[in-house]
Amino acid sequence: MTDKQAQAQAPRVEIHYCPACRWVARAAWMAQELLTTFGHQLGEVALVPGGSGVFEIWLDGERLHSRGDDGGFPETRPIKQLIRDRIDPERDLGHSER
């Protein structure tokens, strides 16, 4: 399997954010946190401009967090735990676990 094929099969995270609300920096920070934690285990982390007031995090088509439905912006710890539980359940997240 080539590197491109492996990457195409790796999990994809999408962070949908409201550009009018100026949440691109928050979305980029979350992306950086996920890439730092999971590195090559993720195939892609995409920043997706969305509608008014939206801030959502998706993993392979499954919504993990919605600012509107879940009442605010997500903390990194539970998002990392949700992603870990789906892509590598045996992995210890170190300080993010405590």
PDB file of N, CA and C in Angstrom:
ATOM      1  N   MET A   1       0.853  -1.183   0.000  1.00  0.00           N
ATOM      2  CA  MET A   1       0.000   0.000   0.000  1.00  0.00           C
ATOM      3  C   MET A   1       0.893   1.239   0.000  1.00  0.00           C
ATOM      4  N   THR A   2       0.573   2.175  -0.852  1.00  0.00           N
ATOM      5  CA  THR A   2       1.349   3.413  -0.925  1.00  0.00           C
ATOM      6  C   THR A   2       0.956   4.343   0.218  1.00  0.00           C
ATOM      7  N   ASP A   3       1.787   5.357   0.442  1.00  0.00           N
ATOM      8  CA  ASP A   3       1.472   6.352   1.473  1.00  0.00           C
ATOM      9  C   ASP A   3       0.163   7.065   1.160  1.00  0.00           C
ATOM     10  N   LYS A   4      -0.081   7.338  -0.127  1.00  0.00           N
ATOM     11  CA  LYS A   4      -1.320   8.005  -0.522  1.00  0.00           C
ATOM     12  C   LYS A   4      -2.537   7.134  -0.235  1.00  0.00           C
ATOM     13  N   GLN A   5      -2.425   5.832  -0.490  1.00  0.00           N
ATOM     14  CA  GLN A   5      -3.537   4.918  -0.219  1.00  0.00           C
ATOM     15  C   GLN A   5      -3.801   4.822   1.275  1.00  0.00           C
ATOM     16  N   ALA A   6      -2.741   4.735   2.057  1.00  0.00           N
ATOM     17  CA  ALA A   6      -2.897   4.662   3.510  1.00  0.00           C
ATOM     18  C   ALA A   6      -3.549   5.932   4.044  1.00  0.00           C
ATOM     19  N   GLN A   7      -3.134   7.068   3.521  1.00  0.00           N
ATOM     20  CA  GLN A   7      -3.715   8.337   3.969  1.00  0.00           C
ATOM     21  C   GLN A   7      -5.188   8.435   3.582  1.00  0.00           C
ATOM     22  N   ALA A   8      -5.542   7.926   2.413  1.00  0.00           N
ATOM     23  CA  ALA A   8      -6.935   7.962   1.974  1.00  0.00           C
ATOM     24  C   ALA A   8      -7.827   7.118   2.874  1.00  0.00           C
ATOM     25  N   GLN A   9      -7.266   6.091   3.509  1.00  0.00           N
ATOM     26  CA  GLN A   9      -8.035   5.219   4.391  1.00  0.00           C
ATOM     27  C   GLN A   9      -8.015   5.691   5.842  1.00  0.00           C
ATOM     28  N   ALA A  10      -7.120   6.606   6.165  1.00  0.00           N
ATOM     29  CA  ALA A  10      -7.005   7.111   7.530  1.00  0.00           C
ATOM     30  C   ALA A  10      -8.198   8.015   7.850  1.00  0.00           C
ATOM     31  N   PRO A  11      -8.515   8.152   9.130  1.00  0.00           N
ATOM     32  CA  PRO A  11      -9.661   8.974   9.536  1.00  0.00           C
ATOM     33  C   PRO A  11      -9.532  10.439   9.104  1.00  0.00           C
ATOM     34  N   ARG A  12     -10.694  11.024   8.819  1.00  0.00           N
ATOM     35  CA  ARG A  12     -10.756  12.431   8.411  1.00  0.00           C
ATOM     36  C   ARG A  12     -11.559  13.214   9.445  1.00  0.00           C
ATOM     37  N   VAL A  13     -10.954  14.269   9.954  1.00  0.00           N
ATOM     38  CA  VAL A  13     -11.627  15.168  10.885  1.00  0.00           C
ATOM     39  C   VAL A  13     -11.995  16.429  10.120  1.00  0.00           C
ATOM     40  N   GLU A  14     -13.215  16.908  10.334  1.00  0.00           N
ATOM     41  CA  GLU A  14     -13.645  18.188   9.786  1.00  0.00           C
ATOM     42  C   GLU A  14     -14.046  19.087  10.940  1.00  0.00           C
ATOM     43  N   ILE A  15     -13.556  20.308  10.896  1.00  0.00           N
ATOM     44  CA  ILE A  15     -13.955  21.314  11.874  1.00  0.00           C
ATOM     45  C   ILE A  15     -14.702  22.395  11.102  1.00  0.00           C
ATOM     46  N   HIS A  16     -16.011  22.437  11.295  1.00  0.00           N
ATOM     47  CA  HIS A  16     -16.864  23.425  10.634  1.00  0.00           C
ATOM     48  C   HIS A  16     -16.962  24.638  11.561  1.00  0.00           C
ATOM     49  N   TYR A  17     -16.742  25.821  11.002  1.00  0.00           N
ATOM     50  CA  TYR A  17     -16.734  27.035  11.827  1.00  0.00           C
ATOM     51  C   TYR A  17     -17.422  28.169  11.076  1.00  0.00           C
ATOM     52  N   CYS A  18     -17.848  29.158  11.819  1.00  0.00           N
ATOM     53  CA  CYS A  18     -18.499  30.340  11.250  1.00  0.00           C
ATOM     54  C   CYS A  18     -17.444  31.412  10.956  1.00  0.00           C
ATOM     55  N   PRO A  19     -17.190  31.702   9.673  1.00  0.00           N
ATOM     56  CA  PRO A  19     -16.211  32.740   9.353  1.00  0.00           C
ATOM     57  C   PRO A  19     -16.658  34.139   9.797  1.00  0.00           C
ATOM     58  N   ALA A  20     -17.952  34.408   9.705  1.00  0.00           N
ATOM     59  CA  ALA A  20     -18.455  35.726  10.095  1.00  0.00           C
ATOM     60  C   ALA A  20     -18.254  35.983  11.593  1.00  0.00           C
ATOM     61  N   CYS A  21     -18.239  34.901  12.376  1.00  0.00           N
ATOM     62  CA  CYS A  21     -18.021  35.012  13.822  1.00  0.00           C
ATOM     63  C   CYS A  21     -16.539  35.108  14.171  1.00  0.00           C
ATOM     64  N   ARG A  22     -15.699  34.980  13.153  1.00  0.00           N
ATOM     65  CA  ARG A  22     -14.238  35.036  13.321  1.00  0.00           C
ATOM     66  C   ARG A  22     -13.702  33.894  14.180  1.00  0.00           C
ATOM     67  N   TRP A  23     -14.214  32.696  13.929  1.00  0.00           N
ATOM     68  CA  TRP A  23     -13.802  31.521  14.698  1.00  0.00           C
ATOM     69  C   TRP A  23     -12.758  30.676  13.995  1.00  0.00           C
ATOM     70  N   VAL A  24     -12.169  31.201  12.929  1.00  0.00           N
ATOM     71  CA  VAL A  24     -11.157  30.441  12.206  1.00  0.00           C
ATOM     72  C   VAL A  24      -9.943  30.159  13.101  1.00  0.00           C
ATOM     73  N   ALA A  25      -9.546  31.098  13.946  1.00  0.00           N
ATOM     74  CA  ALA A  25      -8.396  30.878  14.828  1.00  0.00           C
ATOM     75  C   ALA A  25      -8.692  29.760  15.825  1.00  0.00           C
ATOM     76  N   ARG A  26      -9.904  29.733  16.348  1.00  0.00           N
ATOM     77  CA  ARG A  26     -10.299  28.676  17.284  1.00  0.00           C
ATOM     78  C   ARG A  26     -10.296  27.319  16.570  1.00  0.00           C
ATOM     79  N   ALA A  27     -10.802  27.294  15.333  1.00  0.00           N
ATOM     80  CA  ALA A  27     -10.824  26.054  14.554  1.00  0.00           C
ATOM     81  C   ALA A  27      -9.395  25.598  14.243  1.00  0.00           C
ATOM     82  N   ALA A  28      -8.533  26.528  13.881  1.00  0.00           N
ATOM     83  CA  ALA A  28      -7.143  26.192  13.572  1.00  0.00           C
ATOM     84  C   ALA A  28      -6.417  25.687  14.813  1.00  0.00           C
ATOM     85  N   TRP A  29      -6.692  26.280  15.949  1.00  0.00           N
ATOM     86  CA  TRP A  29      -6.071  25.827  17.200  1.00  0.00           C
ATOM     87  C   TRP A  29      -6.501  24.396  17.522  1.00  0.00           C
ATOM     88  N   MET A  30      -7.794  24.085  17.349  1.00  0.00           N
ATOM     89  CA  MET A  30      -8.273  22.732  17.593  1.00  0.00           C
ATOM     90  C   MET A  30      -7.610  21.756  16.620  1.00  0.00           C
ATOM     91  N   ALA A  31      -7.494  22.150  15.361  1.00  0.00           N
ATOM     92  CA  ALA A  31      -6.829  21.307  14.370  1.00  0.00           C
ATOM     93  C   ALA A  31      -5.389  21.026  14.780  1.00  0.00           C
ATOM     94  N   GLN A  32      -4.692  22.053  15.227  1.00  0.00           N
ATOM     95  CA  GLN A  32      -3.302  21.891  15.666  1.00  0.00           C
ATOM     96  C   GLN A  32      -3.209  20.935  16.849  1.00  0.00           C
ATOM     97  N   GLU A  33      -4.121  21.052  17.794  1.00  0.00           N
ATOM     98  CA  GLU A  33      -4.136  20.153  18.951  1.00  0.00           C
ATOM     99  C   GLU A  33      -4.331  18.697  18.514  1.00  0.00           C
ATOM    100  N   LEU A  34      -5.258  18.479  17.582  1.00  0.00           N
ATOM    101  CA  LEU A  34      -5.527  17.117  17.118  1.00  0.00           C
ATOM    102  C   LEU A  34      -4.355  16.557  16.325  1.00  0.00           C
ATOM    103  N   LEU A  35      -3.750  17.378  15.477  1.00  0.00           N
ATOM    104  CA  LEU A  35      -2.597  16.922  14.707  1.00  0.00           C
ATOM    105  C   LEU A  35      -1.393  16.657  15.601  1.00  0.00           C
ATOM    106  N   THR A  36      -1.211  17.456  16.630  1.00  0.00           N
ATOM    107  CA  THR A  36      -0.114  17.234  17.568  1.00  0.00           C
ATOM    108  C   THR A  36      -0.317  15.924  18.322  1.00  0.00           C
ATOM    109  N   THR A  37      -1.544  15.648  18.719  1.00  0.00           N
ATOM    110  CA  THR A  37      -1.830  14.436  19.491  1.00  0.00           C
ATOM    111  C   THR A  37      -1.821  13.183  18.626  1.00  0.00           C
ATOM    112  N   PHE A  38      -2.444  13.239  17.455  1.00  0.00           N
ATOM    113  CA  PHE A  38      -2.646  12.021  16.675  1.00  0.00           C
ATOM    114  C   PHE A  38      -1.723  11.877  15.470  1.00  0.00           C
ATOM    115  N   GLY A  39      -1.069  12.957  15.067  1.00  0.00           N
ATOM    116  CA  GLY A  39      -0.091  12.894  13.984  1.00  0.00           C
ATOM    117  C   GLY A  39      -0.544  12.095  12.783  1.00  0.00           C
ATOM    118  N   HIS A  40       0.229  11.064  12.438  1.00  0.00           N
ATOM    119  CA  HIS A  40      -0.016  10.270  11.234  1.00  0.00           C
ATOM    120  C   HIS A  40      -1.216   9.340  11.348  1.00  0.00           C
ATOM    121  N   GLN A  41      -1.844   9.256  12.516  1.00  0.00           N
ATOM    122  CA  GLN A  41      -3.037   8.425  12.635  1.00  0.00           C
ATOM    123  C   GLN A  41      -4.234   9.051  11.932  1.00  0.00           C
ATOM    124  N   LEU A  42      -4.169  10.339  11.700  1.00  0.00           N
ATOM    125  CA  LEU A  42      -5.234  11.035  10.984  1.00  0.00           C
ATOM    126  C   LEU A  42      -4.796  11.241   9.537  1.00  0.00           C
ATOM    127  N   GLY A  43      -5.713  11.009   8.617  1.00  0.00           N
ATOM    128  CA  GLY A  43      -5.411  11.235   7.214  1.00  0.00           C
ATOM    129  C   GLY A  43      -5.524  12.695   6.836  1.00  0.00           C
ATOM    130  N   GLU A  44      -6.430  13.396   7.535  1.00  0.00           N
ATOM    131  CA  GLU A  44      -6.670  14.798   7.200  1.00  0.00           C
ATOM    132  C   GLU A  44      -7.428  15.473   8.327  1.00  0.00           C
ATOM    133  N   VAL A  45      -7.122  16.746   8.540  1.00  0.00           N
ATOM    134  CA  VAL A  45      -7.924  17.610   9.394  1.00  0.00           C
ATOM    135  C   VAL A  45      -8.271  18.821   8.527  1.00  0.00           C
ATOM    136  N   ALA A  46      -9.561  18.970   8.252  1.00  0.00           N
ATOM    137  CA  ALA A  46     -10.022  20.020   7.344  1.00  0.00           C
ATOM    138  C   ALA A  46     -10.760  21.104   8.108  1.00  0.00           C
ATOM    139  N   LEU A  47     -10.485  22.354   7.766  1.00  0.00           N
ATOM    140  CA  LEU A  47     -11.235  23.492   8.276  1.00  0.00           C
ATOM    141  C   LEU A  47     -12.269  23.839   7.223  1.00  0.00           C
ATOM    142  N   VAL A  48     -13.544  23.805   7.616  1.00  0.00           N
ATOM    143  CA  VAL A  48     -14.641  23.975   6.673  1.00  0.00           C
ATOM    144  C   VAL A  48     -15.474  25.190   7.075  1.00  0.00           C
ATOM    145  N   PRO A  49     -15.425  26.277   6.291  1.00  0.00           N
ATOM    146  CA  PRO A  49     -16.278  27.421   6.596  1.00  0.00           C
ATOM    147  C   PRO A  49     -17.748  26.988   6.551  1.00  0.00           C
ATOM    148  N   GLY A  50     -18.502  27.396   7.562  1.00  0.00           N
ATOM    149  CA  GLY A  50     -19.897  26.980   7.649  1.00  0.00           C
ATOM    150  C   GLY A  50     -20.846  28.151   7.798  1.00  0.00           C
ATOM    151  N   GLY A  51     -22.034  27.829   8.230  1.00  0.00           N
ATOM    152  CA  GLY A  51     -23.089  28.820   8.379  1.00  0.00           C
ATOM    153  C   GLY A  51     -22.945  29.651   9.642  1.00  0.00           C
ATOM    154  N   SER A  52     -23.896  30.521   9.820  1.00  0.00           N
ATOM    155  CA  SER A  52     -23.904  31.450  10.932  1.00  0.00           C
ATOM    156  C   SER A  52     -23.909  30.726  12.282  1.00  0.00           C
ATOM    157  N   GLY A  53     -22.917  31.016  13.101  1.00  0.00           N
ATOM    158  CA  GLY A  53     -22.846  30.494  14.460  1.00  0.00           C
ATOM    159  C   GLY A  53     -22.406  29.047  14.591  1.00  0.00           C
ATOM    160  N   VAL A  54     -22.020  28.418  13.491  1.00  0.00           N
ATOM    161  CA  VAL A  54     -21.673  26.993  13.554  1.00  0.00           C
ATOM    162  C   VAL A  54     -20.244  26.786  14.060  1.00  0.00           C
ATOM    163  N   PHE A  55     -20.088  25.795  14.915  1.00  0.00           N
ATOM    164  CA  PHE A  55     -18.777  25.261  15.293  1.00  0.00           C
ATOM    165  C   PHE A  55     -19.010  23.794  15.614  1.00  0.00           C
ATOM    166  N   GLU A  56     -18.613  22.927  14.690  1.00  0.00           N
ATOM    167  CA  GLU A  56     -18.840  21.493  14.829  1.00  0.00           C
ATOM    168  C   GLU A  56     -17.572  20.734  14.502  1.00  0.00           C
ATOM    169  N   ILE A  57     -17.429  19.577  15.153  1.00  0.00           N
ATOM    170  CA  ILE A  57     -16.299  18.699  14.877  1.00  0.00           C
ATOM    171  C   ILE A  57     -16.853  17.352  14.460  1.00  0.00           C
ATOM    172  N   TRP A  58     -16.374  16.874  13.308  1.00  0.00           N
ATOM    173  CA  TRP A  58     -16.831  15.632  12.702  1.00  0.00           C
ATOM    174  C   TRP A  58     -15.657  14.683  12.511  1.00  0.00           C
ATOM    175  N   LEU A  59     -15.904  13.398  12.676  1.00  0.00           N
ATOM    176  CA  LEU A  59     -14.912  12.366  12.388  1.00  0.00           C
ATOM    177  C   LEU A  59     -15.559  11.359  11.454  1.00  0.00           C
ATOM    178  N   ASP A  60     -15.050  11.270  10.243  1.00  0.00           N
ATOM    179  CA  ASP A  60     -15.564  10.326   9.237  1.00  0.00           C
ATOM    180  C   ASP A  60     -17.089  10.348   9.135  1.00  0.00           C
ATOM    181  N   GLY A  61     -17.641  11.553   9.082  1.00  0.00           N
ATOM    182  CA  GLY A  61     -19.080  11.698   8.896  1.00  0.00           C
ATOM    183  C   GLY A  61     -19.920  11.614  10.157  1.00  0.00           C
ATOM    184  N   GLU A  62     -19.295  11.391  11.301  1.00  0.00           N
ATOM    185  CA  GLU A  62     -20.006  11.341  12.589  1.00  0.00           C
ATOM    186  C   GLU A  62     -19.730  12.634  13.351  1.00  0.00           C
ATOM    187  N   ARG A  63     -20.792  13.317  13.725  1.00  0.00           N
ATOM    188  CA  ARG A  63     -20.604  14.564  14.472  1.00  0.00           C
ATOM    189  C   ARG A  63     -20.248  14.243  15.917  1.00  0.00           C
ATOM    190  N   LEU A  64     -19.105  14.773  16.356  1.00  0.00           N
ATOM    191  CA  LEU A  64     -18.639  14.561  17.730  1.00  0.00           C
ATOM    192  C   LEU A  64     -19.055  15.696  18.648  1.00  0.00           C
ATOM    193  N   HIS A  65     -19.188  16.897  18.087  1.00  0.00           N
ATOM    194  CA  HIS A  65     -19.550  18.060  18.905  1.00  0.00           C
ATOM    195  C   HIS A  65     -20.215  19.110  18.037  1.00  0.00           C
ATOM    196  N   SER A  66     -21.234  19.739  18.594  1.00  0.00           N
ATOM    197  CA  SER A  66     -21.894  20.861  17.951  1.00  0.00           C
ATOM    198  C   SER A  66     -22.083  21.959  18.989  1.00  0.00           C
ATOM    199  N   ARG A  67     -21.541  23.123  18.705  1.00  0.00           N
ATOM    200  CA  ARG A  67     -21.678  24.248  19.625  1.00  0.00           C
ATOM    201  C   ARG A  67     -23.148  24.525  19.913  1.00  0.00           C
ATOM    202  N   GLY A  68     -23.986  24.475  18.904  1.00  0.00           N
ATOM    203  CA  GLY A  68     -25.406  24.761  19.078  1.00  0.00           C
ATOM    204  C   GLY A  68     -26.129  23.713  19.909  1.00  0.00           C
ATOM    205  N   ASP A  69     -25.877  22.441  19.620  1.00  0.00           N
ATOM    206  CA  ASP A  69     -26.583  21.359  20.320  1.00  0.00           C
ATOM    207  C   ASP A  69     -25.978  21.032  21.677  1.00  0.00           C
ATOM    208  N   ASP A  70     -24.662  21.202  21.813  1.00  0.00           N
ATOM    209  CA  ASP A  70     -23.977  20.797  23.042  1.00  0.00           C
ATOM    210  C   ASP A  70     -23.700  21.952  23.987  1.00  0.00           C
ATOM    211  N   GLY A  71     -24.092  23.159  23.600  1.00  0.00           N
ATOM    212  CA  GLY A  71     -24.011  24.289  24.508  1.00  0.00           C
ATOM    213  C   GLY A  71     -22.649  24.909  24.678  1.00  0.00           C
ATOM    214  N   GLY A  72     -21.966  25.201  23.609  1.00  0.00           N
ATOM    215  CA  GLY A  72     -20.709  25.924  23.712  1.00  0.00           C
ATOM    216  C   GLY A  72     -19.596  25.271  22.927  1.00  0.00           C
ATOM    217  N   PHE A  73     -18.420  25.836  23.100  1.00  0.00           N
ATOM    218  CA  PHE A  73     -17.245  25.314  22.407  1.00  0.00           C
ATOM    219  C   PHE A  73     -16.716  24.092  23.153  1.00  0.00           C
ATOM    220  N   PRO A  74     -16.139  23.154  22.418  1.00  0.00           N
ATOM    221  CA  PRO A  74     -15.639  21.946  23.069  1.00  0.00           C
ATOM    222  C   PRO A  74     -14.297  22.183  23.756  1.00  0.00           C
ATOM    223  N   GLU A  75     -14.067  21.433  24.796  1.00  0.00           N
ATOM    224  CA  GLU A  75     -12.739  21.363  25.401  1.00  0.00           C
ATOM    225  C   GLU A  75     -11.936  20.340  24.594  1.00  0.00           C
ATOM    226  N   THR A  76     -10.633  20.469  24.573  1.00  0.00           N
ATOM    227  CA  THR A  76      -9.824  19.533  23.785  1.00  0.00           C
ATOM    228  C   THR A  76      -9.850  18.123  24.367  1.00  0.00           C
ATOM    229  N   ARG A  77      -9.835  17.988  25.679  1.00  0.00           N
ATOM    230  CA  ARG A  77      -9.754  16.661  26.310  1.00  0.00           C
ATOM    231  C   ARG A  77     -10.870  15.726  25.840  1.00  0.00           C
ATOM    232  N   PRO A  78     -12.153  16.102  25.951  1.00  0.00           N
ATOM    233  CA  PRO A  78     -13.184  15.152  25.517  1.00  0.00           C
ATOM    234  C   PRO A  78     -13.162  14.883  24.013  1.00  0.00           C
ATOM    235  N   ILE A  79     -12.775  15.865  23.211  1.00  0.00           N
ATOM    236  CA  ILE A  79     -12.692  15.634  21.764  1.00  0.00           C
ATOM    237  C   ILE A  79     -11.581  14.634  21.467  1.00  0.00           C
ATOM    238  N   LYS A  80     -10.432  14.813  22.087  1.00  0.00           N
ATOM    239  CA  LYS A  80      -9.331  13.864  21.889  1.00  0.00           C
ATOM    240  C   LYS A  80      -9.730  12.470  22.349  1.00  0.00           C
ATOM    241  N   GLN A  81     -10.442  12.383  23.450  1.00  0.00           N
ATOM    242  CA  GLN A  81     -10.870  11.076  23.946  1.00  0.00           C
ATOM    243  C   GLN A  81     -11.860  10.418  22.990  1.00  0.00           C
ATOM    244  N   LEU A  82     -12.802  11.200  22.447  1.00  0.00           N
ATOM    245  CA  LEU A  82     -13.759  10.647  21.489  1.00  0.00           C
ATOM    246  C   LEU A  82     -13.058  10.134  20.234  1.00  0.00           C
ATOM    247  N   ILE A  83     -12.099  10.900  19.740  1.00  0.00           N
ATOM    248  CA  ILE A  83     -11.364  10.474  18.549  1.00  0.00           C
ATOM    249  C   ILE A  83     -10.530   9.239  18.863  1.00  0.00           C
ATOM    250  N   ARG A  84      -9.821   9.260  19.970  1.00  0.00           N
ATOM    251  CA  ARG A  84      -9.022   8.100  20.373  1.00  0.00           C
ATOM    252  C   ARG A  84      -9.883   6.855  20.492  1.00  0.00           C
ATOM    253  N   ASP A  85     -11.061   6.980  21.118  1.00  0.00           N
ATOM    254  CA  ASP A  85     -11.946   5.829  21.314  1.00  0.00           C
ATOM    255  C   ASP A  85     -12.361   5.205  19.985  1.00  0.00           C
ATOM    256  N   ARG A  86     -12.398   5.999  18.930  1.00  0.00           N
ATOM    257  CA  ARG A  86     -12.829   5.488  17.630  1.00  0.00           C
ATOM    258  C   ARG A  86     -11.673   4.993  16.763  1.00  0.00           C
ATOM    259  N   ILE A  87     -10.493   5.594  16.896  1.00  0.00           N
ATOM    260  CA  ILE A  87      -9.408   5.206  15.994  1.00  0.00           C
ATOM    261  C   ILE A  87      -8.323   4.353  16.643  1.00  0.00           C
ATOM    262  N   ASP A  88      -8.185   4.421  17.980  1.00  0.00           N
ATOM    263  CA  ASP A  88      -7.132   3.659  18.665  1.00  0.00           C
ATOM    264  C   ASP A  88      -7.484   3.518  20.145  1.00  0.00           C
ATOM    265  N   PRO A  89      -8.507   2.698  20.467  1.00  0.00           N
ATOM    266  CA  PRO A  89      -9.040   2.632  21.832  1.00  0.00           C
ATOM    267  C   PRO A  89      -8.021   2.245  22.917  1.00  0.00           C
ATOM    268  N   GLU A  90      -6.969   1.567  22.544  1.00  0.00           N
ATOM    269  CA  GLU A  90      -5.971   1.139  23.532  1.00  0.00           C
ATOM    270  C   GLU A  90      -4.951   2.226  23.859  1.00  0.00           C
ATOM    271  N   ARG A  91      -4.956   3.295  23.111  1.00  0.00           N
ATOM    272  CA  ARG A  91      -3.953   4.346  23.266  1.00  0.00           C
ATOM    273  C   ARG A  91      -4.158   5.138  24.561  1.00  0.00           C
ATOM    274  N   ASP A  92      -3.054   5.392  25.250  1.00  0.00           N
ATOM    275  CA  ASP A  92      -3.076   6.257  26.429  1.00  0.00           C
ATOM    276  C   ASP A  92      -2.785   7.686  25.955  1.00  0.00           C
ATOM    277  N   LEU A  93      -3.646   8.601  26.355  1.00  0.00           N
ATOM    278  CA  LEU A  93      -3.482  10.000  25.956  1.00  0.00           C
ATOM    279  C   LEU A  93      -2.662  10.805  26.957  1.00  0.00           C
ATOM    280  N   GLY A  94      -2.053  10.154  27.915  1.00  0.00           N
ATOM    281  CA  GLY A  94      -1.221  10.860  28.869  1.00  0.00           C
ATOM    282  C   GLY A  94      -2.005  11.863  29.679  1.00  0.00           C
ATOM    283  N   HIS A  95      -1.526  13.106  29.730  1.00  0.00           N
ATOM    284  CA  HIS A  95      -2.178  14.135  30.551  1.00  0.00           C
ATOM    285  C   HIS A  95      -3.612  14.422  30.096  1.00  0.00           C
ATOM    286  N   SER A  96      -3.945  14.147  28.833  1.00  0.00           N
ATOM    287  CA  SER A  96      -5.313  14.386  28.365  1.00  0.00           C
ATOM    288  C   SER A  96      -6.282  13.336  28.902  1.00  0.00           C
ATOM    289  N   GLU A  97      -5.738  12.305  29.500  1.00  0.00           N
ATOM    290  CA  GLU A  97      -6.562  11.220  30.046  1.00  0.00           C
ATOM    291  C   GLU A  97      -7.015  11.520  31.467  1.00  0.00           C
ATOM    292  N   ARG A  98      -6.270  12.352  32.160  1.00  0.00           N
ATOM    293  CA  ARG A  98      -6.546  12.589  33.577  1.00  0.00           C
ATOM    294  C   ARG A  98      -7.513  13.728  33.786  1.00  0.00           C
TER     295      ARG A  98
END
